[in-house]
Amino acid sequence: MAAHLPGVIASMTTLPVIGVPINASLDGLDALLAIVQMPPGIPV
């Protein structure tokens, strides 16, 4: 859904963060887009 967890974690650490979008609604596309569309400097 509002899949902010990976990005929030990435904003607070220098460790590599791997995001897994979960299909909880909208076939998981909402989670995929929320995780993959990170601002510059905060990669996931």
ModelCIF file with pLDDT and N, C-alpha, C, O atoms, coordinates in Angstrom:
data_MODEL
#
_entry.id   MODEL 
#
_entity.id                         1 
_entity.type                       polymer 
_entity.pdbx_number_of_molecules   1 
#
_entity_poly.entity_id                      1 
_entity_poly.type                           'polypeptide(L)' 
_entity_poly.nstd_linkage                   no 
_entity_poly.nstd_monomer                   no 
_entity_poly.pdbx_seq_one_letter_code       MAAHLPGVIASMTTLPVIGVPINASLDGLDALLAIVQMPPGIPV 
_entity_poly.pdbx_seq_one_letter_code_can   MAAHLPGVIASMTTLPVIGVPINASLDGLDALLAIVQMPPGIPV 
_entity_poly.pdbx_strand_id                 A 
#
loop_
_entity_poly_seq.entity_id 
_entity_poly_seq.num 
_entity_poly_seq.mon_id 
_entity_poly_seq.hetero 
1 1  MET n 
1 2  ALA n 
1 3  ALA n 
1 4  HIS n 
1 5  LEU n 
1 6  PRO n 
1 7  GLY n 
1 8  VAL n 
1 9  ILE n 
1 10 ALA n 
1 11 SER n 
1 12 MET n 
1 13 THR n 
1 14 THR n 
1 15 LEU n 
1 16 PRO n 
1 17 VAL n 
1 18 ILE n 
1 19 GLY n 
1 20 VAL n 
1 21 PRO n 
1 22 ILE n 
1 23 ASN n 
1 24 ALA n 
1 25 SER n 
1 26 LEU n 
1 27 ASP n 
1 28 GLY n 
1 29 LEU n 
1 30 ASP n 
1 31 ALA n 
1 32 LEU n 
1 33 LEU n 
1 34 ALA n 
1 35 ILE n 
1 36 VAL n 
1 37 GLN n 
1 38 MET n 
1 39 PRO n 
1 40 PRO n 
1 41 GLY n 
1 42 ILE n 
1 43 PRO n 
1 44 VAL n 
#
_struct_asym.id          A 
_struct_asym.entity_id   1 
#
loop_
_ma_qa_metric.id 
_ma_qa_metric.mode 
_ma_qa_metric.name 
_ma_qa_metric.software_group_id 
_ma_qa_metric.type 
1 global pLDDT . pLDDT 
2 local  pLDDT . pLDDT 
#
_ma_qa_metric_global.metric_id      1 
_ma_qa_metric_global.metric_value   96.30 
_ma_qa_metric_global.model_id       1 
_ma_qa_metric_global.ordinal_id     1 
#
loop_
_ma_qa_metric_local.label_asym_id 
_ma_qa_metric_local.label_comp_id 
_ma_qa_metric_local.label_seq_id 
_ma_qa_metric_local.metric_id 
_ma_qa_metric_local.metric_value 
_ma_qa_metric_local.model_id 
_ma_qa_metric_local.ordinal_id 
A MET 1  2 90.00 1 1  
A ALA 2  2 85.00 1 2  
A ALA 3  2 94.00 1 3  
A HIS 4  2 96.00 1 4  
A LEU 5  2 97.00 1 5  
A PRO 6  2 98.00 1 6  
A GLY 7  2 98.00 1 7  
A VAL 8  2 98.00 1 8  
A ILE 9  2 98.00 1 9  
A ALA 10 2 98.00 1 10 
A SER 11 2 98.00 1 11 
A MET 12 2 98.00 1 12 
A THR 13 2 98.00 1 13 
A THR 14 2 98.00 1 14 
A LEU 15 2 98.00 1 15 
A PRO 16 2 98.00 1 16 
A VAL 17 2 98.00 1 17 
A ILE 18 2 98.00 1 18 
A GLY 19 2 98.00 1 19 
A VAL 20 2 98.00 1 20 
A PRO 21 2 98.00 1 21 
A ILE 22 2 97.00 1 22 
A ASN 23 2 97.00 1 23 
A ALA 24 2 94.00 1 24 
A SER 25 2 92.00 1 25 
A LEU 26 2 95.00 1 26 
A ASP 27 2 95.00 1 27 
A GLY 28 2 96.00 1 28 
A LEU 29 2 96.00 1 29 
A ASP 30 2 96.00 1 30 
A ALA 31 2 97.00 1 31 
A LEU 32 2 97.00 1 32 
A LEU 33 2 96.00 1 33 
A ALA 34 2 95.00 1 34 
A ILE 35 2 97.00 1 35 
A VAL 36 2 96.00 1 36 
A GLN 37 2 95.00 1 37 
A MET 38 2 96.00 1 38 
A PRO 39 2 96.00 1 39 
A PRO 40 2 96.00 1 40 
A GLY 41 2 96.00 1 41 
A ILE 42 2 97.00 1 42 
A PRO 43 2 97.00 1 43 
A VAL 44 2 98.00 1 44 
#
loop_
_atom_site.group_PDB 
_atom_site.id 
_atom_site.type_symbol 
_atom_site.label_atom_id 
_atom_site.label_alt_id 
_atom_site.label_comp_id 
_atom_site.label_asym_id 
_atom_site.label_entity_id 
_atom_site.label_seq_id 
_atom_site.pdbx_PDB_ins_code 
_atom_site.Cartn_x 
_atom_site.Cartn_y 
_atom_site.Cartn_z 
_atom_site.occupancy 
_atom_site.B_iso_or_equiv 
_atom_site.pdbx_formal_charge 
_atom_site.auth_seq_id 
_atom_site.auth_comp_id 
_atom_site.auth_asym_id 
_atom_site.auth_atom_id 
_atom_site.pdbx_PDB_model_num 
ATOM 1   N N  . MET A 1 1  ? 0.842  -1.202 0.000  1.00 90.00 ? 1  MET A N  1 
ATOM 2   C CA . MET A 1 1  ? 0.000  0.000  0.000  1.00 90.00 ? 1  MET A CA 1 
ATOM 3   C C  . MET A 1 1  ? 0.880  1.257  0.000  1.00 90.00 ? 1  MET A C  1 
ATOM 4   O O  . MET A 1 1  ? 1.695  1.424  -0.907 1.00 90.00 ? 1  MET A O  1 
ATOM 5   N N  . ALA A 1 2  ? 0.738  2.130  0.978  1.00 85.00 ? 2  ALA A N  1 
ATOM 6   C CA . ALA A 1 2  ? 1.585  3.323  1.078  1.00 85.00 ? 2  ALA A CA 1 
ATOM 7   C C  . ALA A 1 2  ? 2.943  2.855  1.575  1.00 85.00 ? 2  ALA A C  1 
ATOM 8   O O  . ALA A 1 2  ? 3.254  2.972  2.760  1.00 85.00 ? 2  ALA A O  1 
ATOM 9   N N  . ALA A 1 3  ? 3.739  2.331  0.677  1.00 94.00 ? 3  ALA A N  1 
ATOM 10  C CA . ALA A 1 3  ? 4.944  1.563  1.008  1.00 94.00 ? 3  ALA A CA 1 
ATOM 11  C C  . ALA A 1 3  ? 6.137  2.473  1.273  1.00 94.00 ? 3  ALA A C  1 
ATOM 12  O O  . ALA A 1 3  ? 7.067  2.536  0.468  1.00 94.00 ? 3  ALA A O  1 
ATOM 13  N N  . HIS A 1 4  ? 6.111  3.162  2.379  1.00 96.00 ? 4  HIS A N  1 
ATOM 14  C CA . HIS A 1 4  ? 7.165  4.115  2.694  1.00 96.00 ? 4  HIS A CA 1 
ATOM 15  C C  . HIS A 1 4  ? 8.311  3.523  3.510  1.00 96.00 ? 4  HIS A C  1 
ATOM 16  O O  . HIS A 1 4  ? 9.361  4.153  3.636  1.00 96.00 ? 4  HIS A O  1 
ATOM 17  N N  . LEU A 1 5  ? 8.134  2.344  4.058  1.00 97.00 ? 5  LEU A N  1 
ATOM 18  C CA . LEU A 1 5  ? 9.140  1.780  4.956  1.00 97.00 ? 5  LEU A CA 1 
ATOM 19  C C  . LEU A 1 5  ? 10.544 1.713  4.340  1.00 97.00 ? 5  LEU A C  1 
ATOM 20  O O  . LEU A 1 5  ? 11.493 2.176  4.974  1.00 97.00 ? 5  LEU A O  1 
ATOM 21  N N  . PRO A 1 6  ? 10.717 1.161  3.140  1.00 98.00 ? 6  PRO A N  1 
ATOM 22  C CA . PRO A 1 6  ? 12.085 1.099  2.596  1.00 98.00 ? 6  PRO A CA 1 
ATOM 23  C C  . PRO A 1 6  ? 12.732 2.474  2.447  1.00 98.00 ? 6  PRO A C  1 
ATOM 24  O O  . PRO A 1 6  ? 13.903 2.653  2.781  1.00 98.00 ? 6  PRO A O  1 
ATOM 25  N N  . GLY A 1 7  ? 11.972 3.437  1.948  1.00 98.00 ? 7  GLY A N  1 
ATOM 26  C CA . GLY A 1 7  ? 12.530 4.772  1.759  1.00 98.00 ? 7  GLY A CA 1 
ATOM 27  C C  . GLY A 1 7  ? 12.833 5.478  3.056  1.00 98.00 ? 7  GLY A C  1 
ATOM 28  O O  . GLY A 1 7  ? 13.847 6.168  3.168  1.00 98.00 ? 7  GLY A O  1 
ATOM 29  N N  . VAL A 1 8  ? 11.976 5.317  4.029  1.00 98.00 ? 8  VAL A N  1 
ATOM 30  C CA . VAL A 1 8  ? 12.225 5.941  5.331  1.00 98.00 ? 8  VAL A CA 1 
ATOM 31  C C  . VAL A 1 8  ? 13.492 5.349  5.947  1.00 98.00 ? 8  VAL A C  1 
ATOM 32  O O  . VAL A 1 8  ? 14.326 6.083  6.478  1.00 98.00 ? 8  VAL A O  1 
ATOM 33  N N  . ILE A 1 9  ? 13.636 4.039  5.879  1.00 98.00 ? 9  ILE A N  1 
ATOM 34  C CA . ILE A 1 9  ? 14.851 3.406  6.405  1.00 98.00 ? 9  ILE A CA 1 
ATOM 35  C C  . ILE A 1 9  ? 16.076 3.905  5.637  1.00 98.00 ? 9  ILE A C  1 
ATOM 36  O O  . ILE A 1 9  ? 17.092 4.249  6.240  1.00 98.00 ? 9  ILE A O  1 
ATOM 37  N N  . ALA A 1 10 ? 15.978 3.943  4.307  1.00 98.00 ? 10 ALA A N  1 
ATOM 38  C CA . ALA A 1 10 ? 17.114 4.394  3.493  1.00 98.00 ? 10 ALA A CA 1 
ATOM 39  C C  . ALA A 1 10 ? 17.511 5.823  3.812  1.00 98.00 ? 10 ALA A C  1 
ATOM 40  O O  . ALA A 1 10 ? 18.679 6.185  3.676  1.00 98.00 ? 10 ALA A O  1 
ATOM 41  N N  . SER A 1 11 ? 16.557 6.636  4.233  1.00 98.00 ? 11 SER A N  1 
ATOM 42  C CA . SER A 1 11 ? 16.867 8.032  4.552  1.00 98.00 ? 11 SER A CA 1 
ATOM 43  C C  . SER A 1 11 ? 17.651 8.169  5.852  1.00 98.00 ? 11 SER A C  1 
ATOM 44  O O  . SER A 1 11 ? 18.208 9.231  6.130  1.00 98.00 ? 11 SER A O  1 
ATOM 45  N N  . MET A 1 12 ? 17.701 7.105  6.650  1.00 98.00 ? 12 MET A N  1 
ATOM 46  C CA . MET A 1 12 ? 18.323 7.189  7.970  1.00 98.00 ? 12 MET A CA 1 
ATOM 47  C C  . MET A 1 12 ? 19.564 6.325  8.133  1.00 98.00 ? 12 MET A C  1 
ATOM 48  O O  . MET A 1 12 ? 20.088 6.202  9.241  1.00 98.00 ? 12 MET A O  1 
ATOM 49  N N  . THR A 1 13 ? 20.049 5.715  7.033  1.00 98.00 ? 13 THR A N  1 
ATOM 50  C CA . THR A 1 13 ? 21.218 4.840  7.134  1.00 98.00 ? 13 THR A CA 1 
ATOM 51  C C  . THR A 1 13 ? 22.029 4.933  5.853  1.00 98.00 ? 13 THR A C  1 
ATOM 52  O O  . THR A 1 13 ? 21.519 5.331  4.806  1.00 98.00 ? 13 THR A O  1 
ATOM 53  N N  . THR A 1 14 ? 23.295 4.560  5.950  1.00 98.00 ? 14 THR A N  1 
ATOM 54  C CA . THR A 1 14 ? 24.136 4.454  4.753  1.00 98.00 ? 14 THR A CA 1 
ATOM 55  C C  . THR A 1 14 ? 24.214 3.012  4.259  1.00 98.00 ? 14 THR A C  1 
ATOM 56  O O  . THR A 1 14 ? 24.863 2.734  3.251  1.00 98.00 ? 14 THR A O  1 
ATOM 57  N N  . LEU A 1 15 ? 23.557 2.100  4.965  1.00 98.00 ? 15 LEU A N  1 
ATOM 58  C CA . LEU A 1 15 ? 23.536 0.701  4.533  1.00 98.00 ? 15 LEU A CA 1 
ATOM 59  C C  . LEU A 1 15 ? 22.695 0.554  3.265  1.00 98.00 ? 15 LEU A C  1 
ATOM 60  O O  . LEU A 1 15 ? 21.762 1.326  3.048  1.00 98.00 ? 15 LEU A O  1 
ATOM 61  N N  . PRO A 1 16 ? 23.021 -0.437 2.423  1.00 98.00 ? 16 PRO A N  1 
ATOM 62  C CA . PRO A 1 16 ? 22.160 -0.693 1.273  1.00 98.00 ? 16 PRO A CA 1 
ATOM 63  C C  . PRO A 1 16 ? 20.786 -1.169 1.743  1.00 98.00 ? 16 PRO A C  1 
ATOM 64  O O  . PRO A 1 16 ? 20.682 -1.985 2.658  1.00 98.00 ? 16 PRO A O  1 
ATOM 65  N N  . VAL A 1 17 ? 19.741 -0.653 1.109  1.00 98.00 ? 17 VAL A N  1 
ATOM 66  C CA . VAL A 1 17 ? 18.370 -1.046 1.415  1.00 98.00 ? 17 VAL A CA 1 
ATOM 67  C C  . VAL A 1 17 ? 17.749 -1.618 0.145  1.00 98.00 ? 17 VAL A C  1 
ATOM 68  O O  . VAL A 1 17 ? 17.811 -1.018 -0.928 1.00 98.00 ? 17 VAL A O  1 
ATOM 69  N N  . ILE A 1 18 ? 17.151 -2.792 0.300  1.00 98.00 ? 18 ILE A N  1 
ATOM 70  C CA . ILE A 1 18 ? 16.447 -3.457 -0.798 1.00 98.00 ? 18 ILE A CA 1 
ATOM 71  C C  . ILE A 1 18 ? 14.971 -3.442 -0.455 1.00 98.00 ? 18 ILE A C  1 
ATOM 72  O O  . ILE A 1 18 ? 14.573 -3.927 0.604  1.00 98.00 ? 18 ILE A O  1 
ATOM 73  N N  . GLY A 1 19 ? 14.161 -2.894 -1.331 1.00 98.00 ? 19 GLY A N  1 
ATOM 74  C CA . GLY A 1 19 ? 12.732 -2.819 -1.105 1.00 98.00 ? 19 GLY A CA 1 
ATOM 75  C C  . GLY A 1 19 ? 11.989 -3.954 -1.781 1.00 98.00 ? 19 GLY A C  1 
ATOM 76  O O  . GLY A 1 19 ? 12.277 -4.308 -2.924 1.00 98.00 ? 19 GLY A O  1 
ATOM 77  N N  . VAL A 1 20 ? 11.036 -4.518 -1.069 1.00 98.00 ? 20 VAL A N  1 
ATOM 78  C CA . VAL A 1 20 ? 10.155 -5.546 -1.621 1.00 98.00 ? 20 VAL A CA 1 
ATOM 79  C C  . VAL A 1 20 ? 8.732  -4.989 -1.594 1.00 98.00 ? 20 VAL A C  1 
ATOM 80  O O  . VAL A 1 20 ? 8.130  -4.878 -0.526 1.00 98.00 ? 20 VAL A O  1 
ATOM 81  N N  . PRO A 1 21 ? 8.196  -4.640 -2.758 1.00 98.00 ? 21 PRO A N  1 
ATOM 82  C CA . PRO A 1 21 ? 6.801  -4.201 -2.784 1.00 98.00 ? 21 PRO A CA 1 
ATOM 83  C C  . PRO A 1 21 ? 5.872  -5.395 -2.553 1.00 98.00 ? 21 PRO A C  1 
ATOM 84  O O  . PRO A 1 21 ? 6.033  -6.446 -3.173 1.00 98.00 ? 21 PRO A O  1 
ATOM 85  N N  . ILE A 1 22 ? 4.914  -5.221 -1.668 1.00 97.00 ? 22 ILE A N  1 
ATOM 86  C CA . ILE A 1 22 ? 3.967  -6.292 -1.339 1.00 97.00 ? 22 ILE A CA 1 
ATOM 87  C C  . ILE A 1 22 ? 2.631  -6.002 -2.017 1.00 97.00 ? 22 ILE A C  1 
ATOM 88  O O  . ILE A 1 22 ? 2.151  -4.869 -2.012 1.00 97.00 ? 22 ILE A O  1 
ATOM 89  N N  . ASN A 1 23 ? 2.053  -7.024 -2.588 1.00 97.00 ? 23 ASN A N  1 
ATOM 90  C CA . ASN A 1 23 ? 0.749  -6.887 -3.244 1.00 97.00 ? 23 ASN A CA 1 
ATOM 91  C C  . ASN A 1 23 ? -0.343 -6.880 -2.180 1.00 97.00 ? 23 ASN A C  1 
ATOM 92  O O  . ASN A 1 23 ? -0.911 -7.921 -1.850 1.00 97.00 ? 23 ASN A O  1 
ATOM 93  N N  . ALA A 1 24 ? -0.627 -5.699 -1.653 1.00 94.00 ? 24 ALA A N  1 
ATOM 94  C CA . ALA A 1 24 ? -1.677 -5.547 -0.647 1.00 94.00 ? 24 ALA A CA 1 
ATOM 95  C C  . ALA A 1 24 ? -2.903 -4.865 -1.240 1.00 94.00 ? 24 ALA A C  1 
ATOM 96  O O  . ALA A 1 24 ? -4.014 -5.032 -0.736 1.00 94.00 ? 24 ALA A O  1 
ATOM 97  N N  . SER A 1 25 ? -2.707 -4.101 -2.303 1.00 92.00 ? 25 SER A N  1 
ATOM 98  C CA . SER A 1 25 ? -3.809 -3.452 -3.021 1.00 92.00 ? 25 SER A CA 1 
ATOM 99  C C  . SER A 1 25 ? -3.302 -3.047 -4.404 1.00 92.00 ? 25 SER A C  1 
ATOM 100 O O  . SER A 1 25 ? -2.094 -2.976 -4.633 1.00 92.00 ? 25 SER A O  1 
ATOM 101 N N  . LEU A 1 26 ? -4.216 -2.786 -5.309 1.00 95.00 ? 26 LEU A N  1 
ATOM 102 C CA . LEU A 1 26 ? -3.872 -2.336 -6.666 1.00 95.00 ? 26 LEU A CA 1 
ATOM 103 C C  . LEU A 1 26 ? -2.833 -3.238 -7.343 1.00 95.00 ? 26 LEU A C  1 
ATOM 104 O O  . LEU A 1 26 ? -1.966 -2.759 -8.074 1.00 95.00 ? 26 LEU A O  1 
ATOM 105 N N  . ASP A 1 27 ? -2.932 -4.534 -7.093 1.00 95.00 ? 27 ASP A N  1 
ATOM 106 C CA . ASP A 1 27 ? -2.004 -5.533 -7.632 1.00 95.00 ? 27 ASP A CA 1 
ATOM 107 C C  . ASP A 1 27 ? -0.544 -5.261 -7.263 1.00 95.00 ? 27 ASP A C  1 
ATOM 108 O O  . ASP A 1 27 ? 0.368  -5.745 -7.935 1.00 95.00 ? 27 ASP A O  1 
ATOM 109 N N  . GLY A 1 28 ? -0.324 -4.496 -6.209 1.00 96.00 ? 28 GLY A N  1 
ATOM 110 C CA . GLY A 1 28 ? 1.023  -4.194 -5.749 1.00 96.00 ? 28 GLY A CA 1 
ATOM 111 C C  . GLY A 1 28 ? 1.699  -3.046 -6.482 1.00 96.00 ? 28 GLY A C  1 
ATOM 112 O O  . GLY A 1 28 ? 2.818  -2.663 -6.140 1.00 96.00 ? 28 GLY A O  1 
ATOM 113 N N  . LEU A 1 29 ? 1.025  -2.494 -7.489 1.00 96.00 ? 29 LEU A N  1 
ATOM 114 C CA . LEU A 1 29 ? 1.644  -1.412 -8.252 1.00 96.00 ? 29 LEU A CA 1 
ATOM 115 C C  . LEU A 1 29 ? 1.850  -0.159 -7.418 1.00 96.00 ? 29 LEU A C  1 
ATOM 116 O O  . LEU A 1 29 ? 2.834  0.555  -7.608 1.00 96.00 ? 29 LEU A O  1 
ATOM 117 N N  . ASP A 1 30 ? 0.935  0.116  -6.497 1.00 96.00 ? 30 ASP A N  1 
ATOM 118 C CA . ASP A 1 30 ? 1.099  1.273  -5.613 1.00 96.00 ? 30 ASP A CA 1 
ATOM 119 C C  . ASP A 1 30 ? 2.366  1.130  -4.782 1.00 96.00 ? 30 ASP A C  1 
ATOM 120 O O  . ASP A 1 30 ? 3.119  2.091  -4.629 1.00 96.00 ? 30 ASP A O  1 
ATOM 121 N N  . ALA A 1 31 ? 2.606  -0.066 -4.244 1.00 97.00 ? 31 ALA A N  1 
ATOM 122 C CA . ALA A 1 31 ? 3.807  -0.312 -3.443 1.00 97.00 ? 31 ALA A CA 1 
ATOM 123 C C  . ALA A 1 31 ? 5.059  -0.246 -4.309 1.00 97.00 ? 31 ALA A C  1 
ATOM 124 O O  . ALA A 1 31 ? 6.065  0.335  -3.902 1.00 97.00 ? 31 ALA A O  1 
ATOM 125 N N  . LEU A 1 32 ? 5.006  -0.832 -5.487 1.00 97.00 ? 32 LEU A N  1 
ATOM 126 C CA . LEU A 1 32 ? 6.153  -0.808 -6.392 1.00 97.00 ? 32 LEU A CA 1 
ATOM 127 C C  . LEU A 1 32 ? 6.557  0.631  -6.715 1.00 97.00 ? 32 LEU A C  1 
ATOM 128 O O  . LEU A 1 32 ? 7.731  0.989  -6.624 1.00 97.00 ? 32 LEU A O  1 
ATOM 129 N N  . LEU A 1 33 ? 5.588  1.439  -7.087 1.00 96.00 ? 33 LEU A N  1 
ATOM 130 C CA . LEU A 1 33 ? 5.901  2.826  -7.439 1.00 96.00 ? 33 LEU A CA 1 
ATOM 131 C C  . LEU A 1 33 ? 6.382  3.623  -6.232 1.00 96.00 ? 33 LEU A C  1 
ATOM 132 O O  . LEU A 1 33 ? 7.281  4.455  -6.358 1.00 96.00 ? 33 LEU A O  1 
ATOM 133 N N  . ALA A 1 34 ? 5.796  3.376  -5.072 1.00 95.00 ? 34 ALA A N  1 
ATOM 134 C CA . ALA A 1 34 ? 6.224  4.092  -3.862 1.00 95.00 ? 34 ALA A CA 1 
ATOM 135 C C  . ALA A 1 34 ? 7.672  3.763  -3.514 1.00 95.00 ? 34 ALA A C  1 
ATOM 136 O O  . ALA A 1 34 ? 8.403  4.627  -3.031 1.00 95.00 ? 34 ALA A O  1 
ATOM 137 N N  . ILE A 1 35 ? 8.092  2.524  -3.755 1.00 97.00 ? 35 ILE A N  1 
ATOM 138 C CA . ILE A 1 35 ? 9.447  2.113  -3.378 1.00 97.00 ? 35 ILE A CA 1 
ATOM 139 C C  . ILE A 1 35 ? 10.470 2.497  -4.447 1.00 97.00 ? 35 ILE A C  1 
ATOM 140 O O  . ILE A 1 35 ? 11.574 2.934  -4.120 1.00 97.00 ? 35 ILE A O  1 
ATOM 141 N N  . VAL A 1 36 ? 10.118 2.339  -5.691 1.00 96.00 ? 36 VAL A N  1 
ATOM 142 C CA . VAL A 1 36 ? 11.100 2.558  -6.758 1.00 96.00 ? 36 VAL A CA 1 
ATOM 143 C C  . VAL A 1 36 ? 11.317 4.042  -7.066 1.00 96.00 ? 36 VAL A C  1 
ATOM 144 O O  . VAL A 1 36 ? 12.379 4.408  -7.571 1.00 96.00 ? 36 VAL A O  1 
ATOM 145 N N  . GLN A 1 37 ? 10.356 4.888  -6.780 1.00 95.00 ? 37 GLN A N  1 
ATOM 146 C CA . GLN A 1 37 ? 10.455 6.309  -7.116 1.00 95.00 ? 37 GLN A CA 1 
ATOM 147 C C  . GLN A 1 37 ? 11.005 7.129  -5.953 1.00 95.00 ? 37 GLN A C  1 
ATOM 148 O O  . GLN A 1 37 ? 10.308 7.973  -5.390 1.00 95.00 ? 37 GLN A O  1 
ATOM 149 N N  . MET A 1 38 ? 12.250 6.874  -5.605 1.00 96.00 ? 38 MET A N  1 
ATOM 150 C CA . MET A 1 38 ? 12.884 7.586  -4.498 1.00 96.00 ? 38 MET A CA 1 
ATOM 151 C C  . MET A 1 38 ? 13.548 8.863  -4.999 1.00 96.00 ? 38 MET A C  1 
ATOM 152 O O  . MET A 1 38 ? 13.989 8.927  -6.147 1.00 96.00 ? 38 MET A O  1 
ATOM 153 N N  . PRO A 1 39 ? 13.621 9.885  -4.136 1.00 96.00 ? 39 PRO A N  1 
ATOM 154 C CA . PRO A 1 39 ? 14.273 11.124 -4.551 1.00 96.00 ? 39 PRO A CA 1 
ATOM 155 C C  . PRO A 1 39 ? 15.787 10.936 -4.683 1.00 96.00 ? 39 PRO A C  1 
ATOM 156 O O  . PRO A 1 39 ? 16.350 10.004 -4.110 1.00 96.00 ? 39 PRO A O  1 
ATOM 157 N N  . PRO A 1 40 ? 16.440 11.819 -5.435 1.00 96.00 ? 40 PRO A N  1 
ATOM 158 C CA . PRO A 1 40 ? 17.896 11.723 -5.589 1.00 96.00 ? 40 PRO A CA 1 
ATOM 159 C C  . PRO A 1 40 ? 18.597 11.694 -4.227 1.00 96.00 ? 40 PRO A C  1 
ATOM 160 O O  . PRO A 1 40 ? 18.264 12.457 -3.320 1.00 96.00 ? 40 PRO A O  1 
ATOM 161 N N  . GLY A 1 41 ? 19.565 10.805 -4.114 1.00 96.00 ? 41 GLY A N  1 
ATOM 162 C CA . GLY A 1 41 ? 20.350 10.705 -2.889 1.00 96.00 ? 41 GLY A CA 1 
ATOM 163 C C  . GLY A 1 41 ? 19.827 9.706  -1.872 1.00 96.00 ? 41 GLY A C  1 
ATOM 164 O O  . GLY A 1 41 ? 20.506 9.414  -0.888 1.00 96.00 ? 41 GLY A O  1 
ATOM 165 N N  . ILE A 1 42 ? 18.620 9.175  -2.098 1.00 97.00 ? 42 ILE A N  1 
ATOM 166 C CA . ILE A 1 42 ? 18.041 8.178  -1.181 1.00 97.00 ? 42 ILE A CA 1 
ATOM 167 C C  . ILE A 1 42 ? 17.662 6.937  -2.003 1.00 97.00 ? 42 ILE A C  1 
ATOM 168 O O  . ILE A 1 42 ? 16.478 6.663  -2.198 1.00 97.00 ? 42 ILE A O  1 
ATOM 169 N N  . PRO A 1 43 ? 18.660 6.188  -2.484 1.00 97.00 ? 43 PRO A N  1 
ATOM 170 C CA . PRO A 1 43 ? 18.332 5.035  -3.319 1.00 97.00 ? 43 PRO A CA 1 
ATOM 171 C C  . PRO A 1 43 ? 17.789 3.853  -2.512 1.00 97.00 ? 43 PRO A C  1 
ATOM 172 O O  . PRO A 1 43 ? 18.188 3.615  -1.372 1.00 97.00 ? 43 PRO A O  1 
ATOM 173 N N  . VAL A 1 44 ? 16.884 3.137  -3.130 1.00 98.00 ? 44 VAL A N  1 
ATOM 174 C CA . VAL A 1 44 ? 16.405 1.862  -2.619 1.00 98.00 ? 44 VAL A CA 1 
ATOM 175 C C  . VAL A 1 44 ? 16.425 0.894  -3.796 1.00 98.00 ? 44 VAL A C  1 
ATOM 176 O O  . VAL A 1 44 ? 16.063 -0.273 -3.641 1.00 98.00 ? 44 VAL A O  1 
#
